Amino acid sequence: MRILAMLVALLCASLTVSACAQPNSQDTQALEKLFPAMERLELTRFCVTKDCEYVAYSRGVYITDSMCVVDVSGPQPRLAIDSQARMDLDFLYRDSEALGRRLQSAFPTYNSQSKIVEGTFSFDNCIDYVYDPGWGPLPDFDSETEVAIDDNWYARHC
């Protein structure tokens, strides 16, 4: 499941357009501050591209346009974003923007207490931040694409 979420995050990132930044601990600190908002929504899949918003959370799976090609193997059926889903997305955007960056994708995994225990997140199409507390050596270590941030995070250039 974790590998599928990472692949989906990479696909989502490849469909977006923005300037590339360098991986940094400020981004991971901002992401950790967003965990309570994601946990409140029970968000499991979230992706924004130039033309599409996609979210899977406690209320269901919503998308702005049924023709959007994101997370094609993800949960079905996908409903049009309704007023409550819009309010929930706006809540997530506000919290994210208050921290200085707008969340672009999130694919968290939860424990039995509904707390995020791992996941892949991004603010742009160039970097996926991987939250994996206590990770060991970087997976498939490649200093050109993967960078250690701290004991809980590493980043992957897309």
Protein backbone atom coordinates (compact mmCIF):
# COMPACT_ATOMS: atom_id res chain seq x y z
CA MET A 1 0.00 0.00 0.00
CA ARG A 2 2.83 2.38 0.89
CA ILE A 3 4.53 1.79 -2.45
CA LEU A 4 1.25 2.43 -4.29
CA ALA A 5 0.78 5.71 -2.40
CA MET A 6 4.32 6.78 -3.33
CA LEU A 7 3.72 5.94 -6.99
CA VAL A 8 0.45 7.88 -6.95
CA ALA A 9 2.22 10.84 -5.34
CA LEU A 10 4.85 10.75 -8.08
CA LEU A 11 2.14 10.63 -10.77
CA CYS A 12 0.33 13.53 -9.16
CA ALA A 13 3.54 15.53 -8.95
CA SER A 14 4.36 14.82 -12.58
CA LEU A 15 1.04 16.38 -13.63
CA THR A 16 1.71 19.72 -11.95
CA VAL A 17 3.68 22.78 -12.96
CA SER A 18 5.65 24.97 -10.56
CA ALA A 19 9.17 26.15 -9.76
CA CYS A 20 11.51 23.70 -8.05
CA ALA A 21 12.78 24.33 -4.54
CA GLN A 22 15.41 22.50 -2.51
CA PRO A 23 14.37 20.03 0.21
CA ASN A 24 14.45 21.66 3.62
CA SER A 25 13.44 21.12 7.23
CA GLN A 26 11.13 24.16 7.19
CA ASP A 27 8.86 22.31 4.75
CA THR A 28 8.83 19.15 6.89
CA GLN A 29 8.07 21.22 10.01
CA ALA A 30 5.17 22.86 8.14
CA LEU A 31 3.91 19.45 7.04
CA GLU A 32 3.98 18.15 10.61
CA LYS A 33 1.94 21.18 11.67
CA LEU A 34 -0.64 20.17 9.03
CA PHE A 35 -0.97 16.63 10.39
CA PRO A 36 -3.79 17.60 12.83
CA ALA A 37 -5.83 19.11 9.97
CA MET A 38 -5.33 16.00 7.84
CA GLU A 39 -6.14 13.76 10.80
CA ARG A 40 -9.33 15.73 11.57
CA LEU A 41 -10.47 15.19 7.97
CA GLU A 42 -9.20 11.59 7.97
CA LEU A 43 -7.59 12.48 4.66
CA THR A 44 -6.02 9.49 2.88
CA ARG A 45 -5.41 10.85 -0.64
CA PHE A 46 -5.12 14.44 -1.81
CA CYS A 47 -3.78 15.83 -5.05
CA VAL A 48 -4.04 19.17 -6.82
CA THR A 49 -2.92 19.66 -10.39
CA LYS A 50 -3.27 22.62 -12.69
CA ASP A 51 -6.74 21.49 -13.76
CA CYS A 52 -7.94 19.20 -11.00
CA GLU A 53 -8.56 18.76 -7.28
CA TYR A 54 -8.86 15.24 -5.90
CA VAL A 55 -9.47 14.22 -2.30
CA ALA A 56 -10.31 10.97 -0.54
CA TYR A 57 -11.26 11.41 3.09
CA SER A 58 -13.81 10.44 5.74
CA ARG A 59 -16.77 11.76 3.72
CA GLY A 60 -15.85 9.96 0.49
CA VAL A 61 -13.90 10.56 -2.71
CA TYR A 62 -14.31 13.84 -4.55
CA ILE A 63 -12.90 15.30 -7.74
CA THR A 64 -13.44 18.55 -9.62
CA ASP A 65 -13.80 16.92 -13.03
CA SER A 66 -14.55 13.29 -13.83
CA MET A 67 -12.09 13.57 -16.75
CA CYS A 68 -9.13 14.27 -14.43
CA VAL A 69 -6.51 11.56 -14.64
CA VAL A 70 -5.17 11.27 -11.08
CA ASP A 71 -4.82 8.21 -8.86
CA VAL A 72 -6.60 6.06 -11.44
CA SER A 73 -6.33 2.95 -9.26
CA GLY A 74 -7.59 4.85 -6.19
CA PRO A 75 -10.95 4.60 -4.46
CA GLN A 76 -14.18 4.73 -6.44
CA PRO A 77 -16.77 6.07 -7.03
CA ARG A 78 -15.64 9.68 -7.32
CA LEU A 79 -18.21 12.33 -6.71
CA ALA A 80 -18.24 15.95 -7.83
CA ILE A 81 -16.90 18.23 -5.11
CA ASP A 82 -19.92 19.40 -3.12
CA SER A 83 -20.20 22.40 -0.77
CA GLN A 84 -18.99 20.45 2.30
CA ALA A 85 -16.01 19.01 0.41
CA ARG A 86 -15.20 22.54 -0.81
CA MET A 87 -15.31 23.85 2.77
CA ASP A 88 -13.07 20.99 3.93
CA LEU A 89 -10.57 21.60 1.12
CA ASP A 90 -10.57 25.32 1.84
CA PHE A 91 -9.89 24.55 5.52
CA LEU A 92 -6.85 22.48 4.46
CA TYR A 93 -5.66 25.18 2.05
CA ARG A 94 -6.00 27.92 4.69
CA ASP A 95 -4.02 25.93 7.25
CA SER A 96 -1.36 25.16 4.66
CA GLU A 97 -1.07 28.70 3.34
CA ALA A 98 -0.84 30.05 6.90
CA LEU A 99 2.40 28.07 7.15
CA GLY A 100 3.77 29.69 4.00
CA ARG A 101 3.18 27.01 1.35
CA ARG A 102 0.11 25.49 -0.28
CA LEU A 103 -0.16 21.74 0.06
CA GLN A 104 -0.24 20.04 -3.33
CA SER A 105 -0.41 16.36 -2.46
CA ALA A 106 -0.75 14.15 0.61
CA PHE A 107 -0.91 10.39 0.90
CA PRO A 108 -0.75 9.66 4.65
CA THR A 109 -1.09 6.33 6.45
CA TYR A 110 -2.70 6.18 9.91
CA ASN A 111 -2.37 3.99 12.99
CA SER A 112 -5.32 2.61 14.98
CA GLN A 113 -5.52 5.90 16.96
CA SER A 114 -6.05 7.84 13.69
CA LYS A 115 -2.61 9.48 13.87
CA ILE A 116 -0.37 9.82 10.83
CA VAL A 117 2.48 7.33 11.06
CA GLU A 118 3.95 7.64 7.56
CA GLY A 119 3.20 9.13 4.18
CA THR A 120 4.30 11.08 1.15
CA PHE A 121 3.56 14.81 0.86
CA SER A 122 4.47 17.66 -1.45
CA PHE A 123 4.20 21.39 -1.95
CA ASP A 124 5.36 21.34 -5.59
CA ASN A 125 6.07 19.00 -8.46
CA CYS A 126 9.78 18.70 -7.77
CA ILE A 127 10.01 17.27 -4.26
CA ASP A 128 8.13 14.54 -2.43
CA TYR A 129 8.69 14.59 1.32
CA VAL A 130 8.54 11.08 2.78
CA TYR A 131 7.57 10.80 6.44
CA ASP A 132 8.90 7.51 7.77
CA PRO A 133 9.91 7.86 11.45
CA GLY A 134 13.07 5.97 12.28
CA TRP A 135 13.87 5.18 8.66
CA GLY A 136 17.22 3.53 8.08
CA PRO A 137 19.34 3.91 4.99
CA LEU A 138 17.65 5.81 2.22
CA PRO A 139 15.71 3.44 -0.04
CA ASP A 140 17.56 2.84 -3.30
CA PHE A 141 19.98 5.54 -2.18
CA ASP A 142 20.79 7.97 -4.93
CA SER A 143 22.21 11.28 -3.76
CA GLU A 144 20.85 12.95 -6.89
CA THR A 145 17.23 12.10 -6.10
CA GLU A 146 17.01 11.36 -2.35
CA VAL A 147 18.13 13.61 0.48
CA ALA A 148 18.01 12.98 4.23
CA ILE A 149 16.21 15.70 6.20
CA ASP A 150 16.18 14.20 9.74
CA ASP A 151 15.36 10.95 11.56
CA ASN A 152 11.71 11.16 10.47
CA TRP A 153 11.93 12.62 6.96
CA TYR A 154 13.73 12.27 3.68
CA ALA A 155 13.01 13.97 0.39
CA ARG A 156 12.82 12.57 -3.11
CA HIS A 157 13.36 14.78 -6.15
CA CYS A 158 10.82 13.87 -8.81
